[in-house]
Amino acid sequence: MSRRAAAGRSGAGEPFEAVEAVRAVIEAVDSSVAAGSSTTVANVELWNPEKAIKFCRELQENEVQTLHYLGLPYVVLSRRPRLRLKVPLSTINYEIGKWAGVAMQLLFTCPTNYPMQRPLVEIVEKRNVSSSLEWALHEEIVHSLDQHIGLQMIAPVTLRLQTMLNSLRWRLPGMMQ
């Protein structure tokens, strides 16, 4: 953490919320140390907030590289203060301007401590998506995020929804063609 952030001001490129979150944790630890918890004292000496923030940023960068290596299309909207990605999804039979197939974009907004906390996932730019399908997709997103807390979440959610859309195409061929 920079001296400016430690002094209470966020430095360039350092999200103010991350600094405040770290400060809140430090205050909580200080209060438990004052209460005399010896195990907490040992953990405080090992825990470094600057390294924790750096670790989360490295995991976020690894997530973007994973999308690239898997060949999944994506657009990075921002990296700091929060990672924001847009990932397009569509069924195999989707054609622009036609009623065949389903298409959408997933907008991932990751908190500064992602992947230790869930990202916000929004379904945007929907094409031929019914409300029941959207509800089922949201349920699948929540289920997938819950399974991957602390791990990469964007690639598994994207792959799971893509598989779901393609299986839907095969189950409902009359509706999707």
Protein backbone atom coordinates (compact mmCIF):
# COMPACT_ATOMS: atom_id res chain seq x y z
CA MET A 1 0.00 0.00 0.00
CA SER A 2 1.38 3.40 -0.85
CA ARG A 3 2.03 6.12 1.70
CA ARG A 4 -0.82 8.16 0.22
CA ALA A 5 -3.27 5.28 0.74
CA ALA A 6 -1.97 4.67 4.26
CA ALA A 7 -2.49 8.35 5.01
CA GLY A 8 -6.17 8.00 4.08
CA ARG A 9 -6.08 9.12 0.46
CA SER A 10 -6.28 6.72 -2.43
CA GLY A 11 -3.26 6.89 -4.73
CA ALA A 12 -3.46 6.71 -8.51
CA GLY A 13 -4.55 3.24 -9.56
CA GLU A 14 -5.49 2.18 -6.04
CA PRO A 15 -9.21 1.75 -5.48
CA PHE A 16 -10.41 3.72 -2.47
CA GLU A 17 -12.79 0.88 -1.54
CA ALA A 18 -9.92 -1.62 -1.33
CA VAL A 19 -7.99 0.67 0.98
CA GLU A 20 -11.07 1.15 3.16
CA ALA A 21 -11.73 -2.61 3.25
CA VAL A 22 -8.16 -3.29 4.36
CA ARG A 23 -8.37 -0.52 6.95
CA ALA A 24 -11.58 -2.06 8.37
CA VAL A 25 -9.91 -5.47 8.68
CA ILE A 26 -6.89 -3.94 10.40
CA GLU A 27 -9.14 -2.12 12.89
CA ALA A 28 -10.99 -5.37 13.64
CA VAL A 29 -7.70 -7.18 14.19
CA ASP A 30 -6.42 -4.35 16.40
CA SER A 31 -9.51 -4.60 18.59
CA SER A 32 -9.11 -8.38 18.98
CA VAL A 33 -5.39 -7.92 19.77
CA ALA A 34 -6.34 -5.41 22.46
CA ALA A 35 -8.66 -8.08 23.87
CA GLY A 36 -5.62 -10.35 24.22
CA SER A 37 -6.06 -12.99 21.52
CA SER A 38 -2.60 -14.54 21.03
CA THR A 39 -3.57 -16.53 17.91
CA THR A 40 -4.73 -13.31 16.27
CA VAL A 41 -1.39 -11.66 17.03
CA ALA A 42 0.43 -14.49 15.23
CA ASN A 43 -1.89 -14.22 12.21
CA VAL A 44 -1.51 -10.43 11.99
CA GLU A 45 2.24 -10.76 11.71
CA LEU A 46 1.80 -13.08 8.70
CA TRP A 47 -1.00 -11.17 6.98
CA ASN A 48 -0.02 -8.32 4.68
CA PRO A 49 -2.87 -6.27 3.14
CA GLU A 50 -0.69 -5.05 0.28
CA LYS A 51 0.15 -8.63 -0.68
CA ALA A 52 -3.51 -9.66 -0.39
CA ILE A 53 -4.61 -6.96 -2.85
CA LYS A 54 -1.75 -7.85 -5.21
CA PHE A 55 -2.68 -11.54 -4.98
CA CYS A 56 -6.31 -10.81 -5.95
CA ARG A 57 -5.18 -8.68 -8.91
CA GLU A 58 -2.92 -11.50 -10.12
CA LEU A 59 -5.81 -13.96 -9.90
CA GLN A 60 -7.97 -11.57 -11.93
CA GLU A 61 -5.26 -11.31 -14.59
CA ASN A 62 -5.03 -15.11 -14.66
CA GLU A 63 -8.79 -15.26 -15.21
CA VAL A 64 -8.51 -13.04 -18.29
CA GLN A 65 -5.64 -15.17 -19.60
CA THR A 66 -7.72 -18.32 -19.07
CA LEU A 67 -10.50 -16.89 -21.23
CA HIS A 68 -7.92 -16.09 -23.90
CA TYR A 69 -6.31 -19.56 -23.79
CA LEU A 70 -9.72 -21.27 -23.97
CA GLY A 71 -10.52 -19.24 -27.07
CA LEU A 72 -13.60 -17.65 -25.51
CA PRO A 73 -14.56 -14.26 -26.91
CA TYR A 74 -14.46 -11.44 -24.37
CA VAL A 75 -13.95 -7.70 -24.07
CA VAL A 76 -12.17 -6.18 -21.09
CA LEU A 77 -14.08 -2.99 -20.25
CA SER A 78 -11.82 -2.04 -17.33
CA ARG A 79 -9.17 -3.60 -15.12
CA ARG A 80 -9.06 -1.06 -12.30
CA PRO A 81 -10.52 -0.20 -9.90
CA ARG A 82 -12.64 -3.26 -10.74
CA LEU A 83 -12.30 -5.88 -13.42
CA ARG A 84 -15.23 -5.60 -15.85
CA LEU A 85 -15.65 -8.04 -18.72
CA LYS A 86 -18.27 -8.57 -21.38
CA VAL A 87 -18.61 -12.11 -22.73
CA PRO A 88 -20.93 -12.91 -25.67
CA LEU A 89 -22.94 -16.15 -25.72
CA SER A 90 -25.19 -17.59 -28.40
CA THR A 91 -26.64 -20.86 -29.57
CA ILE A 92 -25.04 -22.50 -32.57
CA ASN A 93 -27.98 -21.64 -34.81
CA TYR A 94 -28.16 -17.93 -33.92
CA GLU A 95 -28.26 -15.60 -36.91
CA ILE A 96 -28.27 -11.83 -36.55
CA GLY A 97 -31.59 -10.31 -37.55
CA LYS A 98 -33.46 -13.63 -37.55
CA TRP A 99 -35.71 -15.27 -34.99
CA ALA A 100 -33.60 -18.42 -34.91
CA GLY A 101 -31.40 -19.05 -31.90
CA VAL A 102 -30.61 -17.15 -28.73
CA ALA A 103 -27.86 -14.63 -28.05
CA MET A 104 -26.83 -12.47 -25.12
CA GLN A 105 -23.86 -10.90 -23.43
CA LEU A 106 -22.76 -11.51 -19.86
CA LEU A 107 -21.39 -8.49 -18.04
CA PHE A 108 -19.08 -9.45 -15.17
CA THR A 109 -18.20 -6.77 -12.60
CA CYS A 110 -15.69 -8.15 -10.13
CA PRO A 111 -15.12 -6.67 -6.66
CA THR A 112 -11.56 -5.73 -5.77
CA ASN A 113 -11.15 -8.89 -3.70
CA TYR A 114 -12.41 -11.22 -6.46
CA PRO A 115 -12.29 -14.29 -6.49
CA MET A 116 -12.73 -14.31 -2.72
CA GLN A 117 -16.09 -12.61 -3.30
CA ARG A 118 -18.65 -13.22 -6.05
CA PRO A 119 -18.74 -10.97 -9.11
CA LEU A 120 -21.92 -9.24 -10.21
CA VAL A 121 -23.15 -11.01 -13.36
CA GLU A 122 -25.70 -9.29 -15.57
CA ILE A 123 -27.34 -10.63 -18.72
CA VAL A 124 -27.38 -7.76 -21.21
CA GLU A 125 -28.09 -7.27 -24.93
CA LYS A 126 -30.52 -10.21 -25.00
CA ARG A 127 -31.79 -11.58 -28.32
CA ASN A 128 -34.72 -14.03 -28.36
CA VAL A 129 -34.40 -14.71 -24.60
CA SER A 130 -37.68 -15.53 -22.87
CA SER A 131 -38.26 -14.55 -19.26
CA SER A 132 -38.31 -18.22 -18.21
CA LEU A 133 -34.97 -18.84 -19.94
CA GLU A 134 -33.50 -15.73 -18.32
CA TRP A 135 -34.66 -16.95 -14.91
CA ALA A 136 -33.11 -20.40 -15.54
CA LEU A 137 -29.85 -18.74 -16.62
CA HIS A 138 -29.77 -16.62 -13.44
CA GLU A 139 -30.33 -19.75 -11.34
CA GLU A 140 -27.47 -21.49 -13.16
CA ILE A 141 -25.21 -18.45 -12.64
CA VAL A 142 -25.87 -18.41 -8.88
CA HIS A 143 -25.30 -22.17 -8.63
CA SER A 144 -22.03 -21.98 -10.55
CA LEU A 145 -20.74 -18.98 -8.56
CA ASP A 146 -21.48 -20.76 -5.28
CA GLN A 147 -19.43 -23.75 -6.43
CA HIS A 148 -16.40 -21.64 -7.38
CA ILE A 149 -15.92 -19.17 -4.50
CA GLY A 150 -12.19 -18.60 -4.13
CA LEU A 151 -11.51 -19.99 -7.60
CA GLN A 152 -11.85 -18.64 -11.11
CA MET A 153 -15.53 -18.01 -11.77
CA ILE A 154 -15.88 -16.25 -15.11
CA ALA A 155 -14.74 -19.12 -17.35
CA PRO A 156 -16.81 -21.80 -15.52
CA VAL A 157 -19.96 -19.65 -15.57
CA THR A 158 -19.49 -18.84 -19.25
CA LEU A 159 -18.87 -22.46 -20.24
CA ARG A 160 -21.78 -23.72 -18.14
CA LEU A 161 -24.22 -21.24 -19.69
CA GLN A 162 -22.94 -21.95 -23.20
CA THR A 163 -23.50 -25.67 -22.62
CA MET A 164 -26.96 -24.95 -21.24
CA LEU A 165 -27.89 -22.84 -24.27
CA ASN A 166 -26.68 -25.47 -26.72
CA SER A 167 -28.51 -28.27 -24.90
CA LEU A 168 -31.64 -26.12 -24.94
CA ARG A 169 -31.30 -25.82 -28.70
CA TRP A 170 -31.31 -29.61 -29.06
CA ARG A 171 -34.21 -30.13 -26.64
CA LEU A 172 -36.46 -27.52 -28.25
CA PRO A 173 -35.61 -27.65 -31.96
CA GLY A 174 -38.99 -26.32 -33.11
CA MET A 175 -38.74 -23.25 -30.90
CA MET A 176 -35.10 -22.51 -31.65
CA GLN A 177 -35.06 -22.83 -35.46
